[in-house]
Each structure stands twice: as C-alpha cells, then as structure tokens.
C-alpha cells in the first residue's frame, strides 16, 4: 500500500508541474525549473549532456517541458 501511495503522490506532483509550468520553456525557465545556473546549463550543452533543445534561430532556443522532465528522470540515482 505504501508503494502505491508513493506512486500516486509522484503522479500528482508530475501533474502539478505540468499544470504550473509552461510547456515550451526558455533557457532561463529551464534553469529555474532544474534549480541550476545558466552557466551550468551551457556547460552541460558543451559536454553534450543537456536536455534536448529546439532551435528556432541561432538566438532563439526553447525546451519542451516533457523532454526536460524525461531528461532529468534519466539523471536520477538510487531509489529515492
């Protein structure tokens, strides 16, 4: 029962995030969401280890919330 409750809490948290966060995010919004600095995001991009980005022009970069969440989920270590 406890595991089911944890799964339900996790799903509710995910739905709250989806409801309260823009679907398409700027780099700054991604940094706020991940609680990292912009420098950290750009360092990850240079290493090829950043969330997938959409480039509408050289200066217009956006990130899909669901892709960022999936990328972050892959970074989890341990059972929480």
N, C-alpha and C. Protein backbone atom coordinates (compact mmCIF):
# COMPACT_ATOMS: atom_id res chain seq x y z
N UNK A 1 0.82 -1.20 0.00
CA UNK A 1 0.00 0.00 0.00
C UNK A 1 0.86 1.26 0.00
N UNK A 2 1.94 1.26 0.75
CA UNK A 2 2.81 2.43 0.83
C UNK A 2 3.41 2.75 -0.53
N UNK A 3 3.80 1.72 -1.27
CA UNK A 3 4.37 1.93 -2.60
C UNK A 3 3.33 2.52 -3.55
N UNK A 4 2.09 2.09 -3.44
CA UNK A 4 1.03 2.64 -4.27
C UNK A 4 0.79 4.12 -3.94
N UNK A 5 0.86 4.43 -2.66
CA UNK A 5 0.67 5.81 -2.22
C UNK A 5 1.79 6.69 -2.75
N UNK A 6 3.02 6.20 -2.69
CA UNK A 6 4.16 6.95 -3.22
C UNK A 6 4.02 7.18 -4.72
N UNK A 7 3.57 6.17 -5.43
CA UNK A 7 3.37 6.30 -6.88
C UNK A 7 2.29 7.34 -7.19
N UNK A 8 1.23 7.33 -6.40
CA UNK A 8 0.15 8.30 -6.57
C UNK A 8 0.65 9.71 -6.27
N UNK A 9 1.40 9.88 -5.19
CA UNK A 9 1.96 11.18 -4.85
C UNK A 9 2.88 11.69 -5.96
N UNK A 10 3.68 10.80 -6.51
CA UNK A 10 4.59 11.16 -7.59
C UNK A 10 3.81 11.61 -8.81
N UNK A 11 2.74 10.91 -9.13
CA UNK A 11 1.91 11.26 -10.29
C UNK A 11 1.22 12.60 -10.08
N UNK A 12 0.74 12.86 -8.88
CA UNK A 12 0.10 14.14 -8.57
C UNK A 12 1.11 15.27 -8.70
N UNK A 13 2.32 15.05 -8.20
CA UNK A 13 3.37 16.05 -8.31
C UNK A 13 3.68 16.35 -9.78
N UNK A 14 3.77 15.32 -10.59
CA UNK A 14 4.04 15.50 -12.02
C UNK A 14 2.92 16.30 -12.68
N UNK A 15 1.69 16.00 -12.36
CA UNK A 15 0.57 16.73 -12.94
C UNK A 15 0.56 18.18 -12.51
N UNK A 16 0.91 18.46 -11.25
CA UNK A 16 1.01 19.84 -10.77
C UNK A 16 2.09 20.60 -11.53
N UNK A 17 3.22 19.95 -11.77
CA UNK A 17 4.30 20.59 -12.52
C UNK A 17 3.82 20.92 -13.92
N UNK A 18 3.17 19.97 -14.58
CA UNK A 18 2.69 20.20 -15.94
C UNK A 18 1.67 21.33 -15.99
N UNK A 19 0.85 21.44 -14.97
CA UNK A 19 -0.18 22.47 -14.91
C UNK A 19 0.42 23.85 -14.67
N UNK A 20 1.46 23.94 -13.87
CA UNK A 20 2.00 25.22 -13.43
C UNK A 20 3.28 25.67 -14.15
N UNK A 21 3.76 24.91 -15.12
CA UNK A 21 4.98 25.24 -15.83
C UNK A 21 4.67 25.35 -17.31
N UNK A 22 5.22 26.36 -17.98
CA UNK A 22 4.97 26.47 -19.42
C UNK A 22 5.44 25.22 -20.16
N UNK A 23 4.72 24.80 -21.19
CA UNK A 23 5.10 23.61 -21.95
C UNK A 23 6.38 23.86 -22.74
N UNK A 24 6.52 25.05 -23.31
CA UNK A 24 7.73 25.43 -24.04
C UNK A 24 8.45 26.46 -23.18
N UNK A 25 9.70 26.16 -22.82
CA UNK A 25 10.43 26.99 -21.87
C UNK A 25 11.67 27.62 -22.49
N UNK A 26 12.00 28.80 -21.98
CA UNK A 26 13.25 29.46 -22.34
C UNK A 26 14.39 28.82 -21.54
N UNK A 27 15.64 29.06 -21.93
CA UNK A 27 16.74 28.54 -21.12
C UNK A 27 16.65 28.98 -19.66
N UNK A 28 16.27 30.22 -19.40
CA UNK A 28 16.15 30.72 -18.02
C UNK A 28 15.09 29.92 -17.25
N UNK A 29 13.96 29.64 -17.90
CA UNK A 29 12.90 28.87 -17.24
C UNK A 29 13.37 27.44 -16.95
N UNK A 30 14.15 26.87 -17.86
CA UNK A 30 14.69 25.53 -17.63
C UNK A 30 15.61 25.56 -16.41
N UNK A 31 16.45 26.57 -16.34
CA UNK A 31 17.37 26.68 -15.20
C UNK A 31 16.59 26.83 -13.89
N UNK A 32 15.56 27.65 -13.90
CA UNK A 32 14.73 27.80 -12.70
C UNK A 32 14.06 26.48 -12.34
N UNK A 33 13.55 25.78 -13.35
CA UNK A 33 12.87 24.50 -13.13
C UNK A 33 13.84 23.47 -12.53
N UNK A 34 15.05 23.40 -13.10
CA UNK A 34 16.05 22.43 -12.63
C UNK A 34 16.85 22.91 -11.43
N UNK A 35 16.65 24.17 -11.08
CA UNK A 35 17.37 24.80 -9.96
C UNK A 35 18.88 24.75 -10.19
N UNK A 36 19.29 25.18 -11.39
CA UNK A 36 20.70 25.26 -11.74
C UNK A 36 20.97 26.64 -12.33
N UNK A 37 22.24 27.00 -12.42
CA UNK A 37 22.60 28.28 -13.03
C UNK A 37 22.61 28.15 -14.55
N UNK A 38 22.51 29.29 -15.22
CA UNK A 38 22.59 29.27 -16.68
C UNK A 38 23.96 28.77 -17.13
N UNK A 39 25.00 29.10 -16.38
CA UNK A 39 26.35 28.62 -16.71
C UNK A 39 26.38 27.09 -16.68
N UNK A 40 25.72 26.50 -15.70
CA UNK A 40 25.67 25.03 -15.62
C UNK A 40 24.97 24.45 -16.84
N UNK A 41 23.88 25.08 -17.27
CA UNK A 41 23.16 24.60 -18.45
C UNK A 41 24.06 24.67 -19.68
N UNK A 42 24.75 25.79 -19.86
CA UNK A 42 25.62 25.94 -21.03
C UNK A 42 26.81 24.99 -20.96
N UNK A 43 27.32 24.74 -19.77
CA UNK A 43 28.40 23.75 -19.62
C UNK A 43 27.91 22.36 -20.02
N UNK A 44 26.70 22.01 -19.60
CA UNK A 44 26.13 20.71 -19.97
C UNK A 44 25.94 20.62 -21.48
N UNK A 45 25.51 21.72 -22.11
CA UNK A 45 25.33 21.73 -23.56
C UNK A 45 26.67 21.50 -24.26
N UNK A 46 27.72 22.13 -23.76
CA UNK A 46 29.05 21.97 -24.36
C UNK A 46 29.53 20.52 -24.26
N UNK A 47 29.18 19.85 -23.16
CA UNK A 47 29.57 18.44 -22.97
C UNK A 47 28.64 17.49 -23.71
N UNK A 48 27.56 18.00 -24.27
CA UNK A 48 26.59 17.15 -24.95
C UNK A 48 25.70 16.40 -23.98
N UNK A 49 25.52 16.95 -22.78
CA UNK A 49 24.74 16.29 -21.74
C UNK A 49 23.69 17.25 -21.18
N UNK A 50 22.86 17.78 -22.08
CA UNK A 50 21.82 18.72 -21.68
C UNK A 50 20.48 18.24 -22.23
N UNK A 51 19.39 18.78 -21.70
CA UNK A 51 18.08 18.41 -22.25
C UNK A 51 18.02 18.77 -23.73
N UNK A 52 17.24 18.03 -24.52
CA UNK A 52 17.10 18.36 -25.94
C UNK A 52 16.50 19.75 -26.12
N UNK A 53 17.03 20.48 -27.07
CA UNK A 53 16.58 21.85 -27.31
C UNK A 53 15.99 21.98 -28.71
N UNK A 54 15.15 23.01 -28.87
CA UNK A 54 14.59 23.37 -30.17
C UNK A 54 15.20 24.71 -30.55
N UNK A 55 15.80 24.76 -31.72
CA UNK A 55 16.41 25.99 -32.19
C UNK A 55 15.56 26.60 -33.30
N UNK A 56 14.92 27.72 -32.99
CA UNK A 56 14.10 28.42 -33.98
C UNK A 56 14.96 29.41 -34.77
N UNK A 57 16.06 29.81 -34.17
CA UNK A 57 17.08 30.62 -34.82
C UNK A 57 18.33 30.46 -33.97
N UNK A 58 19.42 31.09 -34.37
CA UNK A 58 20.65 30.96 -33.60
C UNK A 58 20.49 31.51 -32.18
N UNK A 59 19.61 32.49 -32.03
CA UNK A 59 19.44 33.14 -30.73
C UNK A 59 18.13 32.76 -30.03
N UNK A 60 17.32 31.96 -30.66
CA UNK A 60 16.04 31.58 -30.06
C UNK A 60 16.03 30.08 -29.81
N UNK A 61 16.26 29.74 -28.55
CA UNK A 61 16.32 28.34 -28.13
C UNK A 61 15.18 28.10 -27.14
N UNK A 62 14.49 27.00 -27.31
CA UNK A 62 13.40 26.65 -26.39
C UNK A 62 13.52 25.17 -26.04
N UNK A 63 12.89 24.82 -24.92
CA UNK A 63 12.92 23.45 -24.41
C UNK A 63 11.49 23.01 -24.11
N UNK A 64 11.19 21.77 -24.45
CA UNK A 64 9.88 21.20 -24.16
C UNK A 64 9.90 20.65 -22.73
N UNK A 65 8.94 21.05 -21.94
CA UNK A 65 8.86 20.63 -20.54
C UNK A 65 8.93 19.11 -20.39
N UNK A 66 8.19 18.39 -21.20
CA UNK A 66 8.16 16.93 -21.07
C UNK A 66 9.52 16.31 -21.39
N UNK A 67 10.23 16.89 -22.36
CA UNK A 67 11.57 16.42 -22.69
C UNK A 67 12.55 16.71 -21.55
N UNK A 68 12.42 17.88 -20.95
CA UNK A 68 13.28 18.25 -19.82
C UNK A 68 13.02 17.31 -18.65
N UNK A 69 11.74 17.02 -18.39
CA UNK A 69 11.40 16.11 -17.29
C UNK A 69 11.94 14.71 -17.55
N UNK A 70 11.82 14.23 -18.79
CA UNK A 70 12.33 12.89 -19.13
C UNK A 70 13.85 12.86 -19.00
N UNK A 71 14.53 13.91 -19.45
CA UNK A 71 15.98 14.01 -19.34
C UNK A 71 16.39 13.99 -17.86
N UNK A 72 15.71 14.78 -17.04
CA UNK A 72 16.03 14.84 -15.62
C UNK A 72 15.79 13.49 -14.93
N UNK A 73 14.74 12.80 -15.34
CA UNK A 73 14.42 11.49 -14.77
C UNK A 73 15.56 10.50 -15.02
N UNK A 74 16.20 10.60 -16.19
CA UNK A 74 17.33 9.72 -16.50
C UNK A 74 18.54 10.00 -15.61
N UNK A 75 18.57 11.18 -15.00
CA UNK A 75 19.69 11.56 -14.15
C UNK A 75 19.53 11.07 -12.71
N UNK A 76 18.37 10.54 -12.37
CA UNK A 76 18.12 10.07 -11.02
C UNK A 76 19.04 8.91 -10.67
N UNK A 77 19.49 8.92 -9.42
CA UNK A 77 20.35 7.85 -8.91
C UNK A 77 19.72 7.31 -7.64
N UNK A 78 19.68 6.00 -7.48
CA UNK A 78 19.10 5.40 -6.28
C UNK A 78 17.61 5.25 -6.37
N UNK A 79 17.03 4.83 -5.28
CA UNK A 79 15.58 4.57 -5.25
C UNK A 79 14.77 5.69 -4.68
N UNK A 80 15.42 6.81 -4.34
CA UNK A 80 14.69 7.97 -3.84
C UNK A 80 14.37 7.82 -2.41
